[in-house]
Amino acid sequence: MFAEAPTRPFNYPFPTTRYQGSKRTLVDWIWNAVGNLSFDSVLDAFGGTGVVSHMFKNAGKRVVYNDILRFNWNFALALIENRSVKLCDEDVELVLSHTPSAQVSDFIQSTFRDIYFTHEENAWLDRTVYNIDHLLSDPYRQALARFALCQACIIKRPYNLFHRANLYMREARVERSFGNKVTWDTSFETHFRNFVREANAAVFDNQKPNSALIGDALDTPTDFDLVYIDPPYLNERGIGVDYHDFYHFLEGLVDYDTWRDRVDFRSKHRRLLPARSPWNNAKTVLEQFRLLLDRHRHSIIVISYRSNGIPSRDQLLDVIRGFKHRIHEASLPKQYVLSRQKSHELLLIGS
């Protein structure tokens, strides 16, 4: 079960990100809690940005990443499944090129006017997405470019989200107690180039056949040594983190041709049509944990959650006890951005 104490495995750092819920600042703590377990293969069932999968890849594990959102899956194609492909200078210039004769759609300009970005920025996005989709042929190069594009979109947004039509917050000439107007006003091209450099530096081959999947966590393959479970968080009031709603704009960017058919035009911020998840429902989330642990009952289970969430810590421990005899718990005090409440980050490990 246990091996020698681990050493820090992060020779290839994960790119910076302002994605909500990212574990980028917690990977040292996570590795200290799980690195001494004996395992070679890992399933990251709710992979998100891929930062924990990237940690395991750094540690020489065979990693299978899974997420239900397509833009996140693109991140994992770029940084988990990809062994060696990087964006060269010629690729970047191709993505940033402007060919007047190209048949570029104005979908973002016409649909999201005065909602998230300026008209000039929307035009840049329409053109850049076209170039990625039509001028880059290699899927890993496309994924790297989409990663850089999505991170550039996130960093230029107030609150780093797409949950409100609040471009006015960027443009208002007022004294600010939050936010970073310099970052917001930095050009998309500059942010894109910076994130390409960071993404390229995170590409490496750990000599294992890593892969990226897109789908429901309950449909993931089995027979892994360890399964890492970090689902959307539900607070004590039953309000969940709805990544599909928070990052709908990115989900559209990476599937541009079908975007129009999926937009909820009744919403002020032009979100995607809602996709309800039982993981975001206080009445059904505990049963989802039980079903997922049952599916992976033969694997080491690692659940990442918060101390003040639904299900509660005690409820999660009860579920784990239904499948595992040995349980270890790690806890880390944490103050979260945009939250006044203090809670603890939890790792519940069953073996």
Protein backbone atom coordinates (compact mmCIF):
# COMPACT_ATOMS: atom_id res chain seq x y z
CA MET A 1 0.00 0.00 0.00
CA PHE A 2 2.63 2.55 1.04
CA ALA A 3 5.96 3.25 -0.62
CA GLU A 4 8.88 5.44 0.36
CA ALA A 5 8.21 9.11 1.03
CA PRO A 6 7.78 10.96 -2.27
CA THR A 7 9.81 13.81 -3.65
CA ARG A 8 8.25 16.84 -5.29
CA PRO A 9 7.54 15.82 -8.91
CA PHE A 10 6.94 19.18 -10.60
CA ASN A 11 9.72 19.54 -13.16
CA TYR A 12 7.17 20.90 -15.63
CA PRO A 13 5.01 23.55 -13.93
CA PHE A 14 1.38 23.94 -14.93
CA PRO A 15 0.53 27.26 -16.60
CA THR A 16 -0.95 30.06 -14.53
CA THR A 17 -4.74 30.18 -14.55
CA ARG A 18 -7.55 32.13 -12.92
CA TYR A 19 -10.04 29.32 -13.46
CA GLN A 20 -12.38 29.07 -10.46
CA GLY A 21 -11.68 26.05 -8.28
CA SER A 22 -8.28 25.32 -9.79
CA LYS A 23 -6.04 23.28 -7.48
CA ARG A 24 -2.87 24.84 -8.90
CA THR A 25 -1.90 26.36 -5.53
CA LEU A 26 -2.64 23.08 -3.72
CA VAL A 27 -0.67 20.52 -5.73
CA ASP A 28 2.19 20.39 -3.20
CA TRP A 29 -0.28 19.65 -0.42
CA ILE A 30 -2.16 17.07 -2.51
CA TRP A 31 1.05 15.30 -3.49
CA ASN A 32 2.25 15.21 0.11
CA ALA A 33 -1.01 13.48 1.04
CA VAL A 34 -1.12 10.88 -1.76
CA GLY A 35 2.42 10.56 -3.07
CA ASN A 36 3.40 7.84 -0.60
CA LEU A 37 0.60 5.53 -1.78
CA SER A 38 1.54 2.67 -4.04
CA PHE A 39 -0.05 3.25 -7.46
CA ASP A 40 0.92 3.49 -11.11
CA SER A 41 -2.32 4.42 -12.90
CA VAL A 42 -4.70 7.30 -12.12
CA LEU A 43 -8.16 8.37 -13.23
CA ASP A 44 -8.92 12.06 -12.71
CA ALA A 45 -12.71 11.83 -12.92
CA PHE A 46 -13.48 15.59 -12.82
CA GLY A 47 -10.31 16.88 -14.42
CA GLY A 48 -11.12 20.58 -14.83
CA THR A 49 -8.08 22.51 -16.03
CA GLY A 50 -5.97 19.35 -15.72
CA VAL A 51 -3.63 20.65 -13.03
CA VAL A 52 -3.92 17.54 -10.81
CA SER A 53 -3.62 15.22 -13.82
CA HIS A 54 -0.51 17.19 -14.77
CA MET A 55 0.88 16.66 -11.26
CA PHE A 56 0.38 12.90 -11.58
CA LYS A 57 1.92 12.97 -15.07
CA ASN A 58 4.94 14.78 -13.60
CA ALA A 59 5.18 11.97 -11.05
CA GLY A 60 5.48 9.37 -13.82
CA LYS A 61 1.99 7.91 -13.45
CA ARG A 62 -0.23 6.71 -16.31
CA VAL A 63 -3.00 9.29 -16.30
CA VAL A 64 -6.50 9.18 -17.75
CA TYR A 65 -8.20 12.57 -17.55
CA ASN A 66 -11.97 12.98 -17.79
CA ASP A 67 -14.29 15.98 -17.82
CA ILE A 68 -17.76 16.65 -19.16
CA LEU A 69 -16.90 20.07 -20.63
CA ARG A 70 -15.30 20.26 -24.07
CA PHE A 71 -13.06 23.24 -23.38
CA ASN A 72 -11.58 21.48 -20.35
CA TRP A 73 -11.07 18.36 -22.47
CA ASN A 74 -9.11 20.51 -24.92
CA PHE A 75 -6.87 21.61 -22.05
CA ALA A 76 -6.12 17.96 -21.29
CA LEU A 77 -5.48 17.10 -24.93
CA ALA A 78 -2.89 19.88 -24.92
CA LEU A 79 -1.14 19.14 -21.62
CA ILE A 80 -1.96 15.56 -20.54
CA GLU A 81 -2.39 13.39 -23.63
CA ASN A 82 0.04 15.39 -25.76
CA ARG A 83 3.59 14.04 -25.46
CA SER A 84 5.70 16.47 -27.46
CA VAL A 85 3.78 18.76 -29.83
CA LYS A 86 4.30 22.48 -29.22
CA LEU A 87 3.25 25.65 -30.98
CA CYS A 88 6.14 27.12 -32.96
CA ASP A 89 6.46 30.79 -33.89
CA GLU A 90 5.02 30.09 -37.34
CA ASP A 91 1.94 28.47 -35.76
CA VAL A 92 1.37 31.48 -33.53
CA GLU A 93 1.70 33.94 -36.40
CA LEU A 94 -0.72 31.83 -38.45
CA VAL A 95 -3.29 31.92 -35.65
CA LEU A 96 -2.87 35.68 -35.30
CA SER A 97 -2.90 36.39 -39.04
CA HIS A 98 -5.60 38.46 -40.75
CA THR A 99 -6.59 37.34 -44.24
CA PRO A 100 -9.33 39.64 -45.60
CA SER A 101 -10.53 37.00 -48.07
CA ALA A 102 -11.17 34.40 -45.33
CA GLN A 103 -14.83 33.51 -44.73
CA VAL A 104 -14.82 34.53 -41.07
CA SER A 105 -18.15 34.52 -39.25
CA ASP A 106 -19.20 37.48 -37.11
CA PHE A 107 -21.11 35.31 -34.64
CA ILE A 108 -19.35 36.59 -31.51
CA GLN A 109 -19.57 40.20 -32.70
CA SER A 110 -23.29 39.98 -33.39
CA THR A 111 -24.30 37.77 -30.44
CA PHE A 112 -22.17 39.13 -27.58
CA ARG A 113 -22.02 42.83 -28.37
CA ASP A 114 -21.43 44.91 -25.19
CA ILE A 115 -21.65 41.82 -22.97
CA TYR A 116 -18.12 40.54 -22.23
CA PHE A 117 -15.59 42.19 -24.54
CA THR A 118 -15.34 45.27 -26.75
CA HIS A 119 -16.47 45.14 -30.37
CA GLU A 120 -12.85 45.11 -31.56
CA GLU A 121 -12.04 42.26 -29.17
CA ASN A 122 -15.07 40.29 -30.36
CA ALA A 123 -13.90 40.68 -33.96
CA TRP A 124 -10.45 39.46 -32.93
CA LEU A 125 -12.02 36.41 -31.28
CA ASP A 126 -14.11 35.53 -34.34
CA ARG A 127 -11.03 35.70 -36.54
CA THR A 128 -8.73 33.83 -34.14
CA VAL A 129 -11.16 30.96 -33.61
CA TYR A 130 -11.50 30.66 -37.40
CA ASN A 131 -7.72 30.50 -37.78
CA ILE A 132 -7.34 27.84 -35.09
CA ASP A 133 -10.09 25.71 -36.59
CA HIS A 134 -9.04 26.08 -40.24
CA LEU A 135 -5.31 26.85 -40.36
CA LEU A 136 -3.95 24.45 -37.72
CA SER A 137 -4.33 20.82 -38.77
CA ASP A 138 -2.73 18.96 -35.86
CA PRO A 139 -5.26 18.33 -33.03
CA TYR A 140 -2.66 18.95 -30.30
CA ARG A 141 -1.64 22.26 -31.86
CA GLN A 142 -5.30 23.22 -32.00
CA ALA A 143 -5.73 22.21 -28.36
CA LEU A 144 -2.70 24.25 -27.25
CA ALA A 145 -4.01 27.29 -29.11
CA ARG A 146 -7.46 26.84 -27.57
CA PHE A 147 -5.90 26.56 -24.12
CA ALA A 148 -4.06 29.86 -24.61
CA LEU A 149 -7.16 31.51 -26.07
CA CYS A 150 -9.42 30.40 -23.23
CA GLN A 151 -6.95 31.51 -20.56
CA ALA A 152 -6.69 34.89 -22.27
CA CYS A 153 -10.49 35.20 -22.18
CA ILE A 154 -10.62 34.29 -18.49
CA ILE A 155 -7.94 36.75 -17.42
CA LYS A 156 -9.65 39.65 -19.22
CA ARG A 157 -12.96 39.13 -17.40
CA PRO A 158 -14.11 40.77 -14.15
CA TYR A 159 -14.31 37.94 -11.59
CA ASN A 160 -12.73 35.71 -14.30
CA LEU A 161 -16.22 34.39 -15.14
CA PHE A 162 -18.92 34.70 -17.81
CA HIS A 163 -21.93 34.68 -15.51
CA ARG A 164 -22.99 38.30 -16.06
CA ALA A 165 -23.19 40.85 -18.85
CA ASN A 166 -20.77 43.24 -17.16
CA LEU A 167 -18.43 44.74 -19.74
CA TYR A 168 -19.35 48.09 -18.14
CA MET A 169 -17.19 47.16 -15.14
CA ARG A 170 -14.12 47.25 -17.36
CA GLU A 171 -15.08 50.50 -19.04
CA ALA A 172 -16.30 52.52 -16.05
CA ARG A 173 -13.98 55.36 -15.04
CA VAL A 174 -14.17 54.90 -11.30
CA GLU A 175 -11.79 54.25 -8.44
CA ARG A 176 -11.46 50.48 -8.05
CA SER A 177 -11.11 48.41 -4.90
CA PHE A 178 -10.81 45.13 -6.80
CA GLY A 179 -9.89 43.78 -10.19
CA ASN A 180 -6.95 44.52 -12.42
CA LYS A 181 -7.70 47.07 -15.12
CA VAL A 182 -4.21 46.76 -16.58
CA THR A 183 -4.79 43.04 -17.13
CA TRP A 184 -8.26 43.65 -18.55
CA ASP A 185 -6.96 46.26 -20.98
CA THR A 186 -3.92 44.27 -22.11
CA SER A 187 -4.52 43.08 -25.65
CA PHE A 188 -5.78 39.60 -26.42
CA GLU A 189 -2.75 39.05 -28.62
CA THR A 190 -0.33 39.77 -25.77
CA HIS A 191 -2.17 37.47 -23.36
CA PHE A 192 -2.39 34.77 -26.04
CA ARG A 193 1.35 34.83 -26.73
CA ASN A 194 2.12 34.66 -23.00
CA PHE A 195 -0.14 31.66 -22.44
CA VAL A 196 1.31 29.88 -25.49
CA ARG A 197 4.76 30.17 -23.91
CA GLU A 198 3.48 28.80 -20.59
CA ALA A 199 1.59 25.96 -22.27
CA ASN A 200 4.58 24.97 -24.40
CA ALA A 201 6.73 24.81 -21.26
CA ALA A 202 4.21 22.40 -19.68
CA VAL A 203 4.33 19.85 -22.52
CA PHE A 204 6.44 16.76 -21.82
CA ASP A 205 6.57 12.99 -22.29
CA ASN A 206 6.54 10.88 -19.13
CA GLN A 207 6.86 7.68 -21.18
CA LYS A 208 3.31 6.62 -20.28
CA PRO A 209 0.23 6.36 -22.58
CA ASN A 210 -1.81 9.17 -21.02
CA SER A 211 -5.20 10.04 -22.47
CA ALA A 212 -7.98 12.62 -22.26
CA LEU A 213 -11.66 11.64 -22.20
CA ILE A 214 -14.84 13.70 -22.37
CA GLY A 215 -17.98 12.42 -20.69
CA ASP A 216 -19.92 11.71 -17.51
CA ALA A 217 -17.82 10.58 -14.55
CA LEU A 218 -20.16 7.60 -14.09
CA ASP A 219 -19.23 6.38 -17.58
CA THR A 220 -15.48 6.39 -16.99
CA PRO A 221 -13.43 3.21 -17.48
CA THR A 222 -12.43 1.19 -14.43
CA ASP A 223 -9.41 -0.79 -13.14
CA PHE A 224 -7.21 2.13 -12.12
CA ASP A 225 -4.90 1.93 -9.12
CA LEU A 226 -6.16 5.32 -7.88
CA VAL A 227 -9.21 7.45 -8.69
CA TYR A 228 -9.12 11.16 -7.85
CA ILE A 229 -12.57 12.72 -7.42
CA ASP A 230 -12.94 16.51 -7.31
CA PRO A 231 -16.57 17.25 -8.28
CA PRO A 232 -18.27 20.67 -8.41
CA TYR A 233 -18.64 22.09 -4.93
CA LEU A 234 -22.03 22.54 -3.25
CA ASN A 235 -22.01 24.93 -0.29
CA GLU A 236 -23.99 24.45 2.92
CA ARG A 237 -26.96 26.29 1.37
CA GLY A 238 -27.06 23.87 -1.54
CA ILE A 239 -25.75 26.38 -4.08
CA GLY A 240 -23.31 24.76 -6.47
CA VAL A 241 -20.48 25.85 -8.72
CA ASP A 242 -22.01 25.53 -12.19
CA TYR A 243 -19.01 25.42 -14.51
CA HIS A 244 -21.26 24.97 -17.54
CA ASP A 245 -22.85 28.34 -16.75
CA PHE A 246 -19.74 30.13 -15.47
CA TYR A 247 -17.67 29.20 -18.54
CA HIS A 248 -20.30 28.76 -21.25
CA PHE A 249 -18.45 31.26 -23.45
CA LEU A 250 -15.36 29.03 -23.52
CA GLU A 251 -17.50 25.99 -24.27
CA GLY A 252 -18.80 27.86 -27.29
CA LEU A 253 -15.35 28.96 -28.45
CA VAL A 254 -14.08 25.39 -28.77
CA ASP A 255 -17.19 24.18 -30.64
CA TYR A 256 -17.83 27.29 -32.67
CA ASP A 257 -19.84 25.75 -35.53
CA THR A 258 -22.61 24.49 -33.21
CA TRP A 259 -22.55 27.45 -30.81
CA ARG A 260 -25.51 29.32 -32.30
CA ASP A 261 -27.81 26.31 -31.87
CA ARG A 262 -26.96 26.03 -28.17
CA VAL A 263 -27.30 29.65 -27.04
CA ASP A 264 -30.13 30.62 -24.70
CA PHE A 265 -31.10 33.89 -26.37
CA ARG A 266 -33.56 34.66 -23.56
CA SER A 267 -30.67 35.21 -21.14
CA LYS A 268 -29.05 38.64 -20.94
CA HIS A 269 -25.55 37.17 -20.98
CA ARG A 270 -26.26 34.70 -23.81
CA ARG A 271 -25.42 31.59 -21.83
CA LEU A 272 -25.74 28.12 -23.27
CA LEU A 273 -29.02 26.32 -22.78
CA PRO A 274 -28.92 24.93 -19.21
CA ALA A 275 -27.51 21.46 -18.64
CA ARG A 276 -28.62 20.28 -15.20
CA SER A 277 -26.27 17.98 -13.32
CA PRO A 278 -27.11 15.72 -10.34
CA TRP A 279 -23.72 16.74 -8.91
CA ASN A 280 -25.12 20.28 -8.52
CA ASN A 281 -28.26 19.16 -6.67
CA ALA A 282 -28.23 18.81 -2.88
CA LYS A 283 -30.88 16.08 -3.10
CA THR A 284 -28.95 13.84 -5.50
CA VAL A 285 -25.24 14.54 -5.00
CA LEU A 286 -24.70 12.01 -2.18
CA GLU A 287 -26.10 9.20 -4.32
CA GLN A 288 -23.79 10.28 -7.15
CA PHE A 289 -20.81 9.83 -4.84
CA ARG A 290 -22.10 6.41 -3.83
CA LEU A 291 -22.55 5.31 -7.44
CA LEU A 292 -19.11 6.56 -8.45
CA LEU A 293 -17.36 4.85 -5.53
CA ASP A 294 -19.22 1.65 -6.31
CA ARG A 295 -17.99 1.84 -9.90
CA HIS A 296 -14.39 2.22 -8.72
CA ARG A 297 -14.62 0.06 -5.60
CA HIS A 298 -11.37 -1.77 -6.45
CA SER A 299 -9.30 1.44 -6.69
CA ILE A 300 -7.77 3.68 -4.05
CA ILE A 301 -10.27 6.51 -3.68
CA VAL A 302 -9.21 10.13 -3.15
CA ILE A 303 -12.03 12.66 -2.70
CA SER A 304 -11.23 16.37 -2.74
CA TYR A 305 -13.89 18.55 -1.10
CA ARG A 306 -14.51 21.34 1.41
CA SER A 307 -15.39 21.00 5.07
CA ASN A 308 -18.55 23.14 4.83
CA GLY A 309 -20.07 21.56 1.75
CA ILE A 310 -22.93 19.23 0.84
CA PRO A 311 -22.50 16.34 1.39
CA SER A 312 -20.87 16.92 4.75
CA ARG A 313 -17.52 15.45 5.70
CA ASP A 314 -19.24 12.84 7.89
CA GLN A 315 -21.60 11.83 5.08
CA LEU A 316 -18.70 11.37 2.68
CA LEU A 317 -16.79 9.32 5.24
CA ASP A 318 -19.84 7.07 5.67
CA VAL A 319 -19.99 6.51 1.91
CA ILE A 320 -16.29 5.66 1.77
CA ARG A 321 -16.64 3.22 4.66
CA GLY A 322 -19.15 1.30 2.57
CA PHE A 323 -16.35 0.37 0.19
CA LYS A 324 -13.03 0.82 2.01
CA HIS A 325 -11.58 -0.42 5.29
CA ARG A 326 -8.77 2.11 5.67
CA ILE A 327 -9.43 5.85 5.60
CA HIS A 328 -6.93 8.67 5.89
CA GLU A 329 -7.86 12.34 6.04
CA ALA A 330 -5.88 15.48 5.23
CA SER A 331 -7.14 18.98 5.99
CA LEU A 332 -5.90 22.42 5.03
CA PRO A 333 -7.39 25.76 6.23
CA LYS A 334 -8.34 27.85 3.21
CA GLN A 335 -9.83 31.29 2.58
CA TYR A 336 -11.49 31.38 -0.83
CA VAL A 337 -11.67 34.33 -3.20
CA LEU A 338 -15.05 36.14 -3.19
CA SER A 339 -16.03 34.34 0.03
CA ARG A 340 -15.97 35.67 3.58
CA GLN A 341 -16.32 32.25 5.14
CA LYS A 342 -13.33 30.21 6.15
CA SER A 343 -13.36 26.48 5.55
CA HIS A 344 -10.94 23.60 5.17
CA GLU A 345 -9.85 21.89 1.99
CA LEU A 346 -10.31 18.16 2.55
CA LEU A 347 -8.72 15.06 1.09
CA LEU A 348 -10.51 11.85 2.07
CA ILE A 349 -8.49 8.78 1.08
CA GLY A 350 -9.95 5.28 1.16
CA SER A 351 -7.99 2.11 0.46
